[in-house]
């Protein structure tokens, strides 16, 4: 599918065909595309929890106030971020660079994030947002539907997936074949409403 068609047709789908699994090769292709998403200093904060256990899916659905797409969709991803990725073996982010470049980048990375907990948190969430959009557009391009979700009890889901310390949950994303189309767009703002030149 053309990229702009994928952007135009991507919607938050709430109803999925539970009898239509996501093809393994399609899931792999979507994930590999997602891993090409940009991150600050190439940290790649994201961690993707692919929930396949049916009982765990049901428990997460309960923590999401019964939203049925969690158990109906072919795939459920809990998109998380490691807020301390900046200091967890950072040399691996630059393993394909020469030694001098690697040394400079490691020093810059450390100086940018050390003693900056808010920046660590915010940048991790930004990375997840970019990855989520890549994931959803890749899925749309292959004819699959998705739904990004923030409607869930964060603490309960964190407990259910054994979320590590210093990790945060950005969102849930469902992936599968739509059983019903999404509702019409509720009301997009015009470009003139949101585009500002130079200053507000």
N, C-alpha and C. Protein backbone atom coordinates (compact mmCIF):
# COMPACT_ATOMS: atom_id res chain seq x y z
N UNK A 1 0.85 -1.19 0.00
CA UNK A 1 0.00 0.00 0.00
C UNK A 1 0.89 1.25 0.00
N UNK A 2 0.49 2.25 -0.74
CA UNK A 2 1.17 3.53 -0.75
C UNK A 2 1.19 4.13 0.66
N UNK A 3 2.30 4.78 1.03
CA UNK A 3 2.45 5.34 2.37
C UNK A 3 1.33 6.30 2.72
N UNK A 4 0.99 7.20 1.83
CA UNK A 4 -0.04 8.19 2.14
C UNK A 4 -1.42 7.56 2.24
N UNK A 5 -1.65 6.49 1.52
CA UNK A 5 -2.90 5.74 1.68
C UNK A 5 -2.94 5.07 3.04
N UNK A 6 -1.81 4.51 3.47
CA UNK A 6 -1.73 3.90 4.80
C UNK A 6 -2.01 4.92 5.89
N UNK A 7 -1.47 6.13 5.74
CA UNK A 7 -1.72 7.19 6.71
C UNK A 7 -3.20 7.56 6.73
N UNK A 8 -3.78 7.71 5.55
CA UNK A 8 -5.18 8.14 5.44
C UNK A 8 -6.14 7.07 5.97
N UNK A 9 -5.82 5.81 5.75
CA UNK A 9 -6.75 4.74 6.12
C UNK A 9 -6.53 4.21 7.53
N UNK A 10 -5.41 4.53 8.16
CA UNK A 10 -5.16 4.06 9.52
C UNK A 10 -6.16 4.70 10.49
N UNK A 11 -6.85 3.85 11.22
CA UNK A 11 -7.83 4.31 12.21
C UNK A 11 -7.70 3.46 13.47
N UNK A 12 -8.24 3.95 14.57
CA UNK A 12 -8.27 3.17 15.80
C UNK A 12 -9.48 2.23 15.75
N UNK A 13 -9.22 0.97 15.44
CA UNK A 13 -10.28 -0.01 15.27
C UNK A 13 -10.57 -0.70 16.60
N UNK A 14 -11.84 -0.77 16.96
CA UNK A 14 -12.23 -1.33 18.26
C UNK A 14 -12.74 -2.76 18.18
N UNK A 15 -13.11 -3.23 16.98
CA UNK A 15 -13.71 -4.55 16.84
C UNK A 15 -12.90 -5.38 15.84
N UNK A 16 -12.46 -6.56 16.30
CA UNK A 16 -11.59 -7.42 15.50
C UNK A 16 -12.23 -8.78 15.28
N UNK A 17 -11.79 -9.42 14.23
CA UNK A 17 -12.22 -10.79 13.94
C UNK A 17 -11.30 -11.74 14.71
N UNK A 18 -11.80 -12.38 15.79
CA UNK A 18 -10.93 -13.24 16.59
C UNK A 18 -10.49 -14.51 15.87
N UNK A 19 -11.13 -14.81 14.74
CA UNK A 19 -10.75 -16.01 13.99
C UNK A 19 -9.67 -15.72 12.94
N UNK A 20 -9.19 -14.47 12.89
CA UNK A 20 -8.21 -14.08 11.87
C UNK A 20 -6.90 -13.68 12.55
N UNK A 21 -5.99 -14.63 12.73
CA UNK A 21 -4.70 -14.29 13.34
C UNK A 21 -3.84 -13.46 12.40
N UNK A 22 -2.87 -12.80 12.98
CA UNK A 22 -1.89 -12.06 12.19
C UNK A 22 -0.86 -13.06 11.66
N UNK A 23 -0.62 -13.04 10.37
CA UNK A 23 0.35 -13.96 9.78
C UNK A 23 1.73 -13.73 10.41
N UNK A 24 2.45 -14.80 10.76
CA UNK A 24 3.76 -14.63 11.40
C UNK A 24 4.71 -13.76 10.60
N UNK A 25 4.73 -13.92 9.28
CA UNK A 25 5.64 -13.11 8.47
C UNK A 25 5.24 -11.65 8.46
N UNK A 26 3.93 -11.38 8.58
CA UNK A 26 3.46 -9.99 8.65
C UNK A 26 3.86 -9.37 9.99
N UNK A 27 3.70 -10.12 11.08
CA UNK A 27 4.09 -9.61 12.39
C UNK A 27 5.59 -9.29 12.41
N UNK A 28 6.38 -10.20 11.86
CA UNK A 28 7.84 -9.98 11.81
C UNK A 28 8.17 -8.73 10.99
N UNK A 29 7.50 -8.55 9.88
CA UNK A 29 7.76 -7.39 9.02
C UNK A 29 7.39 -6.09 9.72
N UNK A 30 6.26 -6.11 10.43
CA UNK A 30 5.83 -4.92 11.18
C UNK A 30 6.83 -4.58 12.27
N UNK A 31 7.28 -5.59 13.00
CA UNK A 31 8.23 -5.36 14.08
C UNK A 31 9.57 -4.88 13.55
N UNK A 32 10.04 -5.46 12.46
CA UNK A 32 11.32 -5.03 11.91
C UNK A 32 11.24 -3.58 11.42
N UNK A 33 10.11 -3.19 10.86
CA UNK A 33 9.92 -1.79 10.45
C UNK A 33 9.92 -0.88 11.67
N UNK A 34 9.27 -1.33 12.74
CA UNK A 34 9.19 -0.53 13.97
C UNK A 34 10.57 -0.27 14.55
N UNK A 35 11.45 -1.25 14.45
CA UNK A 35 12.80 -1.10 14.98
C UNK A 35 13.63 -0.08 14.21
N UNK A 36 13.13 0.39 13.08
CA UNK A 36 13.82 1.44 12.34
C UNK A 36 13.41 2.84 12.80
N UNK A 37 12.54 2.93 13.78
CA UNK A 37 12.09 4.23 14.28
C UNK A 37 13.25 4.98 14.91
N UNK A 38 13.26 6.31 14.80
CA UNK A 38 14.35 7.08 15.39
C UNK A 38 14.21 7.23 16.90
N UNK A 39 15.36 7.31 17.58
CA UNK A 39 15.38 7.61 19.01
C UNK A 39 16.55 8.53 19.31
N UNK A 40 16.43 9.30 20.37
CA UNK A 40 17.51 10.17 20.81
C UNK A 40 18.76 9.36 21.10
N UNK A 41 19.87 9.78 20.53
CA UNK A 41 21.15 9.10 20.74
C UNK A 41 21.11 7.61 20.38
N UNK A 42 20.14 7.22 19.60
CA UNK A 42 19.99 5.82 19.18
C UNK A 42 19.78 4.87 20.37
N UNK A 43 19.16 5.37 21.44
CA UNK A 43 19.02 4.59 22.67
C UNK A 43 18.06 3.42 22.51
N UNK A 44 17.03 3.59 21.67
CA UNK A 44 16.06 2.50 21.45
C UNK A 44 15.43 2.04 22.77
N UNK A 45 14.81 2.99 23.45
CA UNK A 45 14.23 2.75 24.78
C UNK A 45 13.15 1.68 24.79
N UNK A 46 12.49 1.46 23.67
CA UNK A 46 11.27 0.66 23.64
C UNK A 46 11.50 -0.80 24.02
N UNK A 47 10.47 -1.37 24.67
CA UNK A 47 10.42 -2.80 24.97
C UNK A 47 8.98 -3.22 24.64
N UNK A 48 8.84 -4.26 23.84
CA UNK A 48 7.52 -4.68 23.36
C UNK A 48 7.14 -5.99 24.03
N UNK A 49 6.08 -5.97 24.81
CA UNK A 49 5.59 -7.19 25.45
C UNK A 49 4.46 -7.73 24.57
N UNK A 50 4.73 -8.84 23.91
CA UNK A 50 3.74 -9.49 23.05
C UNK A 50 2.95 -10.47 23.92
N UNK A 51 1.70 -10.14 24.18
CA UNK A 51 0.89 -10.93 25.11
C UNK A 51 0.16 -12.02 24.33
N UNK A 52 0.58 -13.25 24.52
CA UNK A 52 -0.04 -14.39 23.83
C UNK A 52 -0.83 -15.30 24.76
N UNK A 53 -0.53 -15.26 26.03
CA UNK A 53 -1.25 -16.09 27.00
C UNK A 53 -2.69 -15.60 27.12
N UNK A 54 -3.65 -16.50 26.86
CA UNK A 54 -5.06 -16.09 26.84
C UNK A 54 -5.56 -15.64 28.21
N UNK A 55 -5.09 -16.29 29.25
CA UNK A 55 -5.50 -15.87 30.60
C UNK A 55 -4.97 -14.49 30.92
N UNK A 56 -3.73 -14.23 30.55
CA UNK A 56 -3.15 -12.90 30.78
C UNK A 56 -3.89 -11.85 29.97
N UNK A 57 -4.27 -12.19 28.75
CA UNK A 57 -5.06 -11.26 27.93
C UNK A 57 -6.37 -10.90 28.64
N UNK A 58 -7.02 -11.91 29.19
CA UNK A 58 -8.28 -11.67 29.90
C UNK A 58 -8.07 -10.79 31.12
N UNK A 59 -6.97 -10.99 31.82
CA UNK A 59 -6.67 -10.17 32.99
C UNK A 59 -6.38 -8.73 32.59
N UNK A 60 -5.68 -8.56 31.49
CA UNK A 60 -5.41 -7.20 31.00
C UNK A 60 -6.70 -6.55 30.53
N UNK A 61 -7.57 -7.33 29.90
CA UNK A 61 -8.87 -6.78 29.49
C UNK A 61 -9.65 -6.30 30.71
N UNK A 62 -9.60 -7.07 31.78
CA UNK A 62 -10.27 -6.65 33.01
C UNK A 62 -9.67 -5.35 33.55
N UNK A 63 -8.34 -5.22 33.44
CA UNK A 63 -7.66 -4.00 33.90
C UNK A 63 -7.93 -2.83 32.95
N UNK A 64 -8.46 -3.11 31.77
CA UNK A 64 -8.79 -2.07 30.79
C UNK A 64 -10.30 -1.88 30.70
N UNK A 65 -10.96 -2.14 31.81
CA UNK A 65 -12.39 -1.90 31.93
C UNK A 65 -13.22 -2.63 30.88
N UNK A 66 -12.77 -3.85 30.56
CA UNK A 66 -13.56 -4.74 29.72
C UNK A 66 -13.50 -4.49 28.23
N UNK A 67 -12.59 -3.68 27.76
CA UNK A 67 -12.54 -3.38 26.32
C UNK A 67 -12.21 -4.66 25.54
N UNK A 68 -13.14 -5.04 24.68
CA UNK A 68 -13.07 -6.37 24.05
C UNK A 68 -11.97 -6.51 23.01
N UNK A 69 -11.47 -5.40 22.47
CA UNK A 69 -10.42 -5.53 21.45
C UNK A 69 -9.17 -6.20 22.01
N UNK A 70 -8.99 -6.17 23.31
CA UNK A 70 -7.79 -6.76 23.91
C UNK A 70 -7.76 -8.27 23.72
N UNK A 71 -8.91 -8.91 23.81
CA UNK A 71 -8.94 -10.36 23.62
C UNK A 71 -9.36 -10.76 22.21
N UNK A 72 -9.99 -9.88 21.47
CA UNK A 72 -10.44 -10.22 20.11
C UNK A 72 -9.35 -10.06 19.07
N UNK A 73 -8.45 -9.10 19.27
CA UNK A 73 -7.42 -8.83 18.27
C UNK A 73 -6.43 -9.99 18.18
N UNK A 74 -5.86 -10.15 17.00
CA UNK A 74 -4.88 -11.22 16.81
C UNK A 74 -3.65 -11.06 17.69
N UNK A 75 -3.26 -9.81 17.94
CA UNK A 75 -2.07 -9.53 18.74
C UNK A 75 -2.35 -8.39 19.72
N UNK A 76 -1.72 -8.49 20.87
CA UNK A 76 -1.74 -7.41 21.85
C UNK A 76 -0.30 -7.10 22.24
N UNK A 77 0.07 -5.84 22.09
CA UNK A 77 1.40 -5.38 22.47
C UNK A 77 1.26 -4.40 23.64
N UNK A 78 2.03 -4.63 24.68
CA UNK A 78 2.18 -3.63 25.73
C UNK A 78 3.49 -2.91 25.43
N UNK A 79 3.38 -1.68 24.99
CA UNK A 79 4.56 -0.91 24.59
C UNK A 79 5.13 -0.21 25.81
N UNK A 80 6.33 -0.61 26.17
CA UNK A 80 6.99 -0.11 27.38
C UNK A 80 8.28 0.60 27.00
N UNK A 81 8.88 1.28 27.98
CA UNK A 81 10.16 1.94 27.75
C UNK A 81 11.05 1.76 28.96
N UNK A 82 12.32 1.56 28.69
CA UNK A 82 13.34 1.51 29.73
C UNK A 82 13.88 2.92 29.90
N UNK A 83 13.51 3.59 30.99
CA UNK A 83 13.94 4.97 31.20
C UNK A 83 15.43 5.07 31.47
N UNK A 84 16.05 3.96 31.80
CA UNK A 84 17.49 3.96 32.08
C UNK A 84 18.31 3.36 30.94
N UNK A 85 17.70 3.26 29.77
CA UNK A 85 18.43 2.73 28.61
C UNK A 85 19.68 3.54 28.30
N UNK A 86 19.67 4.79 28.66
CA UNK A 86 20.82 5.67 28.37
C UNK A 86 22.09 5.20 29.08
N UNK A 87 21.93 4.46 30.19
CA UNK A 87 23.12 4.03 30.93
C UNK A 87 23.27 2.51 31.00
N UNK A 88 22.35 1.78 30.36
CA UNK A 88 22.42 0.33 30.36
C UNK A 88 23.19 -0.17 29.14
N UNK A 89 24.46 -0.43 29.32
CA UNK A 89 25.33 -0.89 28.23
C UNK A 89 25.24 0.02 27.00
N UNK A 90 25.46 1.31 27.18
CA UNK A 90 25.25 2.24 26.05
C UNK A 90 26.20 2.03 24.88
N UNK A 91 27.32 1.35 25.10
CA UNK A 91 28.26 1.13 24.00
C UNK A 91 27.63 0.32 22.87
N UNK A 92 26.61 -0.47 23.18
CA UNK A 92 25.99 -1.30 22.13
C UNK A 92 25.24 -0.46 21.10
N UNK A 93 24.87 0.77 21.47
CA UNK A 93 24.15 1.63 20.53
C UNK A 93 25.06 2.16 19.43
N UNK A 94 26.36 2.04 19.65
CA UNK A 94 27.32 2.61 18.70
C UNK A 94 28.34 1.57 18.25
N UNK A 95 27.99 0.31 18.30
CA UNK A 95 28.96 -0.74 18.02
C UNK A 95 29.45 -0.73 16.58
N UNK A 96 28.71 -0.08 15.69
CA UNK A 96 29.13 -0.03 14.28
C UNK A 96 29.90 1.24 13.94
N UNK A 97 30.26 2.02 14.95
CA UNK A 97 31.03 3.24 14.71
C UNK A 97 32.50 3.01 15.07
N UNK A 98 33.34 3.92 14.64
CA UNK A 98 34.76 3.81 15.00
C UNK A 98 34.95 4.24 16.45
N UNK A 99 36.10 3.93 17.01
CA UNK A 99 36.35 4.13 18.45
C UNK A 99 36.23 5.59 18.85
N UNK A 100 36.74 6.50 18.04
CA UNK A 100 36.68 7.93 18.39
C UNK A 100 35.24 8.43 18.41
N UNK A 101 34.49 8.06 17.38
CA UNK A 101 33.08 8.47 17.34
C UNK A 101 32.32 7.89 18.52
N UNK A 102 32.58 6.63 18.82
CA UNK A 102 31.92 5.98 19.95
C UNK A 102 32.22 6.69 21.26
N UNK A 103 33.45 7.06 21.48
CA UNK A 103 33.84 7.75 22.71
C UNK A 103 33.11 9.09 22.83
N UNK A 104 33.06 9.85 21.75
CA UNK A 104 32.39 11.15 21.77
C UNK A 104 30.90 10.99 22.05
N UNK A 105 30.26 10.04 21.39
CA UNK A 105 28.83 9.82 21.57
C UNK A 105 28.51 9.37 22.99
N UNK A 106 29.31 8.50 23.53
CA UNK A 106 29.07 8.03 24.90
C UNK A 106 29.19 9.17 25.91
N UNK A 107 30.14 10.04 25.70
CA UNK A 107 30.30 11.19 26.59
C UNK A 107 29.11 12.14 26.46
N UNK A 108 28.70 12.41 25.23
CA UNK A 108 27.55 13.28 25.00
C UNK A 108 26.29 12.70 25.61
N UNK A 109 26.08 11.41 25.40
CA UNK A 109 24.91 10.72 25.95
C UNK A 109 24.86 10.84 27.46
N UNK A 110 25.98 10.56 28.10
CA UNK A 110 26.03 10.63 29.57
C UNK A 110 25.72 12.05 30.05
N UNK A 111 26.36 13.02 29.46
CA UNK A 111 26.18 14.41 29.92
C UNK A 111 24.76 14.90 29.70
N UNK A 112 24.11 14.39 28.67
CA UNK A 112 22.74 14.85 28.37
C UNK A 112 21.72 14.30 29.35
N UNK A 113 21.92 13.06 29.82
CA UNK A 113 20.89 12.40 30.62
C UNK A 113 21.20 12.29 32.11
N UNK A 114 22.46 12.35 32.50
CA UNK A 114 22.80 12.14 33.91
C UNK A 114 22.13 13.21 34.78
N UNK A 115 21.55 12.77 35.89
CA UNK A 115 20.86 13.66 36.85
C UNK A 115 19.69 14.42 36.22
N UNK A 116 19.09 13.85 35.19
CA UNK A 116 17.95 14.47 34.52
C UNK A 116 16.77 13.49 34.45
N UNK A 117 16.16 13.15 35.59
CA UNK A 117 15.10 12.13 35.58
C UNK A 117 13.90 12.50 34.72
N UNK A 118 13.54 13.77 34.69
CA UNK A 118 12.40 14.17 33.86
C UNK A 118 12.71 13.99 32.39
N UNK A 119 13.91 14.35 31.99
CA UNK A 119 14.34 14.17 30.60
C UNK A 119 14.38 12.69 30.25
N UNK A 120 14.88 11.87 31.16
CA UNK A 120 14.93 10.42 30.93
C UNK A 120 13.53 9.88 30.68
N UNK A 121 12.58 10.30 31.51
CA UNK A 121 11.19 9.85 31.39
C UNK A 121 10.56 10.35 30.09
N UNK A 122 10.71 11.65 29.84
CA UNK A 122 10.05 12.24 28.68
C UNK A 122 10.60 11.67 27.37
N UNK A 123 11.90 11.49 27.30
CA UNK A 123 12.49 11.00 26.07
C UNK A 123 12.09 9.55 25.79
N UNK A 124 11.96 8.77 26.87
CA UNK A 124 11.51 7.39 26.71
C UNK A 124 10.10 7.34 26.12
N UNK A 125 9.22 8.22 26.61
CA UNK A 125 7.86 8.26 26.08
C UNK A 125 7.83 8.78 24.64
N UNK A 126 8.67 9.76 24.34
CA UNK A 126 8.73 10.24 22.95
C UNK A 126 9.14 9.11 22.01
N UNK A 127 10.13 8.35 22.42
CA UNK A 127 10.58 7.23 21.59
C UNK A 127 9.46 6.23 21.36
N UNK A 128 8.70 5.95 22.40
CA UNK A 128 7.59 5.00 22.27
C UNK A 128 6.51 5.55 21.35
N UNK A 129 6.25 6.85 21.41
CA UNK A 129 5.25 7.44 20.53
C UNK A 129 5.63 7.30 19.07
N UNK A 130 6.91 7.54 18.77
CA UNK A 130 7.38 7.40 17.40
C UNK A 130 7.29 5.94 16.95
N UNK A 131 7.73 5.03 17.84
CA UNK A 131 7.67 3.60 17.50
C UNK A 131 6.24 3.14 17.28
N UNK A 132 5.33 3.62 18.11
CA UNK A 132 3.92 3.23 17.97
C UNK A 132 3.36 3.64 16.61
N UNK A 133 3.69 4.84 16.18
CA UNK A 133 3.18 5.29 14.88
C UNK A 133 3.79 4.47 13.75
N UNK A 134 5.07 4.15 13.85
CA UNK A 134 5.69 3.30 12.83
C UNK A 134 4.99 1.94 12.79
N UNK A 135 4.76 1.37 13.96
CA UNK A 135 4.08 0.07 14.07
C UNK A 135 2.71 0.13 13.39
N UNK A 136 1.94 1.17 13.70
CA UNK A 136 0.58 1.25 13.18
C UNK A 136 0.55 1.51 11.67
N UNK A 137 1.47 2.32 11.18
CA UNK A 137 1.51 2.57 9.74
C UNK A 137 1.99 1.34 8.98
N UNK A 138 2.96 0.63 9.55
CA UNK A 138 3.41 -0.61 8.91
C UNK A 138 2.26 -1.62 8.85
N UNK A 139 1.51 -1.71 9.94
CA UNK A 139 0.35 -2.61 9.96
C UNK A 139 -0.69 -2.19 8.93
N UNK A 140 -0.96 -0.90 8.87
CA UNK A 140 -1.92 -0.39 7.90
C UNK A 140 -1.48 -0.71 6.48
N UNK A 141 -0.19 -0.56 6.23
CA UNK A 141 0.34 -0.85 4.90
C UNK A 141 0.17 -2.29 4.49
N UNK A 142 0.08 -3.19 5.47
CA UNK A 142 -0.11 -4.62 5.18
C UNK A 142 -1.57 -5.05 5.29
N UNK A 143 -2.46 -4.08 5.48
CA UNK A 143 -3.89 -4.39 5.53
C UNK A 143 -4.42 -4.79 6.89
N UNK A 144 -3.66 -4.53 7.94
CA UNK A 144 -4.11 -4.86 9.30
C UNK A 144 -4.59 -3.60 10.01
N UNK A 145 -5.44 -3.82 11.00
CA UNK A 145 -5.98 -2.73 11.81
C UNK A 145 -5.26 -2.69 13.15
N UNK A 146 -5.23 -1.51 13.75
CA UNK A 146 -4.60 -1.31 15.05
C UNK A 146 -5.44 -0.37 15.90
N UNK A 147 -5.12 -0.36 17.19
CA UNK A 147 -5.75 0.60 18.10
C UNK A 147 -4.77 0.91 19.23
N UNK A 148 -4.29 2.16 19.30
CA UNK A 148 -3.47 2.55 20.45
C UNK A 148 -4.39 2.82 21.64
N UNK A 149 -3.99 2.35 22.82
CA UNK A 149 -4.89 2.44 23.97
C UNK A 149 -4.17 2.98 25.20
N UNK A 150 -4.82 3.94 25.87
CA UNK A 150 -4.34 4.41 27.17
C UNK A 150 -5.40 4.17 28.25
N UNK A 151 -6.52 3.57 27.87
CA UNK A 151 -7.61 3.33 28.81
C UNK A 151 -7.43 2.03 29.58
N UNK A 152 -6.55 2.06 30.57
CA UNK A 152 -6.32 0.87 31.39
C UNK A 152 -5.69 1.29 32.71
N UNK A 153 -5.79 0.42 33.68
CA UNK A 153 -5.17 0.66 34.99
C UNK A 153 -3.69 0.34 34.87
N UNK A 154 -2.89 1.37 34.83
CA UNK A 154 -1.45 1.21 34.59
C UNK A 154 -0.79 0.32 35.63
N UNK A 155 -1.13 0.52 36.90
CA UNK A 155 -0.50 -0.27 37.96
C UNK A 155 -0.84 -1.75 37.85
N UNK A 156 -2.09 -2.04 37.51
CA UNK A 156 -2.51 -3.44 37.37
C UNK A 156 -1.80 -4.12 36.20
N UNK A 157 -1.73 -3.43 35.08
CA UNK A 157 -1.07 -4.02 33.91
C UNK A 157 0.42 -4.19 34.19
N UNK A 158 1.02 -3.22 34.84
CA UNK A 158 2.44 -3.33 35.20
C UNK A 158 2.68 -4.56 36.06
N UNK A 159 1.79 -4.80 37.00
CA UNK A 159 1.93 -5.97 37.87
C UNK A 159 1.75 -7.26 37.07
N UNK A 160 0.78 -7.27 36.18
CA UNK A 160 0.48 -8.47 35.40
C UNK A 160 1.64 -8.89 34.50
N UNK A 161 2.36 -7.91 33.96
CA UNK A 161 3.46 -8.25 33.04
C UNK A 161 4.82 -8.24 33.73
N UNK A 162 4.81 -8.08 35.05
CA UNK A 162 6.08 -8.02 35.81
C UNK A 162 7.00 -6.91 35.28
N UNK A 163 6.45 -5.72 35.12
CA UNK A 163 7.21 -4.60 34.57
C UNK A 163 8.43 -4.33 35.43
N UNK A 164 9.63 -4.32 34.83
CA UNK A 164 10.84 -4.09 35.62
C UNK A 164 10.90 -2.68 36.20
N UNK A 165 11.67 -2.54 37.24
CA UNK A 165 11.93 -1.23 37.82
C UNK A 165 12.56 -0.35 36.76
N UNK A 166 12.24 0.92 36.79
CA UNK A 166 12.76 1.91 35.86
C UNK A 166 12.17 1.79 34.46
N UNK A 167 11.17 0.91 34.28
CA UNK A 167 10.42 0.85 33.03
C UNK A 167 9.06 1.51 33.22
N UNK A 168 8.52 2.03 32.16
CA UNK A 168 7.18 2.61 32.18
C UNK A 168 6.38 2.05 31.01
N UNK A 169 5.05 2.05 31.17
CA UNK A 169 4.17 1.62 30.09
C UNK A 169 3.72 2.87 29.34
N UNK A 170 3.92 2.86 28.03
CA UNK A 170 3.48 3.99 27.20
C UNK A 170 2.04 3.82 26.76
N UNK A 171 1.70 2.61 26.29
CA UNK A 171 0.35 2.35 25.78
C UNK A 171 0.21 0.86 25.47
N UNK A 172 -1.00 0.46 25.20
CA UNK A 172 -1.28 -0.84 24.62
C UNK A 172 -1.57 -0.61 23.14
N UNK A 173 -1.25 -1.60 22.31
CA UNK A 173 -1.64 -1.54 20.89
C UNK A 173 -2.21 -2.89 20.50
N UNK A 174 -3.42 -2.88 19.97
CA UNK A 174 -4.00 -4.10 19.42
C UNK A 174 -3.72 -4.13 17.92
N UNK A 175 -3.64 -5.35 17.39
CA UNK A 175 -3.31 -5.56 15.98
C UNK A 175 -4.09 -6.76 15.47
N UNK A 176 -4.76 -6.61 14.35
CA UNK A 176 -5.49 -7.74 13.78
C UNK A 176 -6.31 -7.32 12.58
N UNK A 177 -7.25 -8.19 12.23
CA UNK A 177 -8.16 -7.92 11.13
C UNK A 177 -9.45 -7.32 11.67
N UNK A 178 -9.84 -6.20 11.12
CA UNK A 178 -11.04 -5.50 11.60
C UNK A 178 -12.29 -6.33 11.32
N UNK A 179 -13.17 -6.41 12.32
CA UNK A 179 -14.48 -7.03 12.13
C UNK A 179 -15.49 -5.98 11.69
N UNK A 180 -15.27 -4.75 12.13
CA UNK A 180 -16.11 -3.62 11.75
C UNK A 180 -15.21 -2.43 11.51
N UNK A 181 -15.54 -1.57 10.57
CA UNK A 181 -14.70 -0.38 10.35
C UNK A 181 -14.81 0.58 11.53
N UNK A 182 -13.82 1.42 11.64
CA UNK A 182 -13.86 2.46 12.67
C UNK A 182 -14.97 3.46 12.35
N UNK A 183 -15.40 4.18 13.36
CA UNK A 183 -16.38 5.25 13.13
C UNK A 183 -15.75 6.31 12.23
N UNK A 184 -16.58 7.08 11.53
CA UNK A 184 -16.03 8.18 10.73
C UNK A 184 -15.23 9.13 11.61
N UNK A 185 -14.28 9.81 11.01
CA UNK A 185 -13.47 10.76 11.78
C UNK A 185 -14.37 11.79 12.44
N UNK A 186 -14.12 12.01 13.71
CA UNK A 186 -15.04 12.83 14.51
C UNK A 186 -14.93 14.32 14.22
N UNK A 187 -13.79 14.76 13.76
CA UNK A 187 -13.63 16.19 13.47
C UNK A 187 -12.19 16.61 13.49
N UNK A 188 -11.55 16.55 12.35
CA UNK A 188 -10.15 16.96 12.26
C UNK A 188 -10.05 18.48 12.24
N UNK A 189 -9.12 19.02 13.00
CA UNK A 189 -8.84 20.44 12.92
C UNK A 189 -8.18 20.74 11.58
N UNK A 190 -8.41 21.95 11.08
CA UNK A 190 -7.79 22.33 9.82
C UNK A 190 -6.33 22.69 10.05
N UNK A 191 -5.55 22.66 8.99
CA UNK A 191 -4.14 23.01 9.09
C UNK A 191 -3.97 24.42 9.65
N UNK A 192 -4.85 25.32 9.29
CA UNK A 192 -4.74 26.70 9.77
C UNK A 192 -4.99 26.81 11.28
N UNK A 193 -5.67 25.82 11.84
CA UNK A 193 -5.91 25.82 13.29
C UNK A 193 -4.68 25.39 14.08
N UNK A 194 -3.78 24.66 13.45
CA UNK A 194 -2.69 24.06 14.20
C UNK A 194 -1.30 24.48 13.74
N UNK A 195 -1.17 25.10 12.58
CA UNK A 195 0.13 25.50 12.05
C UNK A 195 0.42 26.96 12.39
N UNK A 196 1.49 27.17 13.15
CA UNK A 196 1.90 28.51 13.55
C UNK A 196 3.26 28.80 12.92
N UNK A 197 3.43 29.98 12.38
CA UNK A 197 4.69 30.36 11.78
C UNK A 197 5.48 31.24 12.74
N UNK A 198 6.64 30.79 13.09
CA UNK A 198 7.62 31.51 13.92
C UNK A 198 7.22 31.63 15.40
N UNK A 199 6.10 32.24 15.71
CA UNK A 199 5.70 32.43 17.12
C UNK A 199 4.20 32.37 17.24
N UNK A 200 3.73 32.00 18.46
CA UNK A 200 2.30 32.06 18.75
C UNK A 200 1.88 33.52 18.86
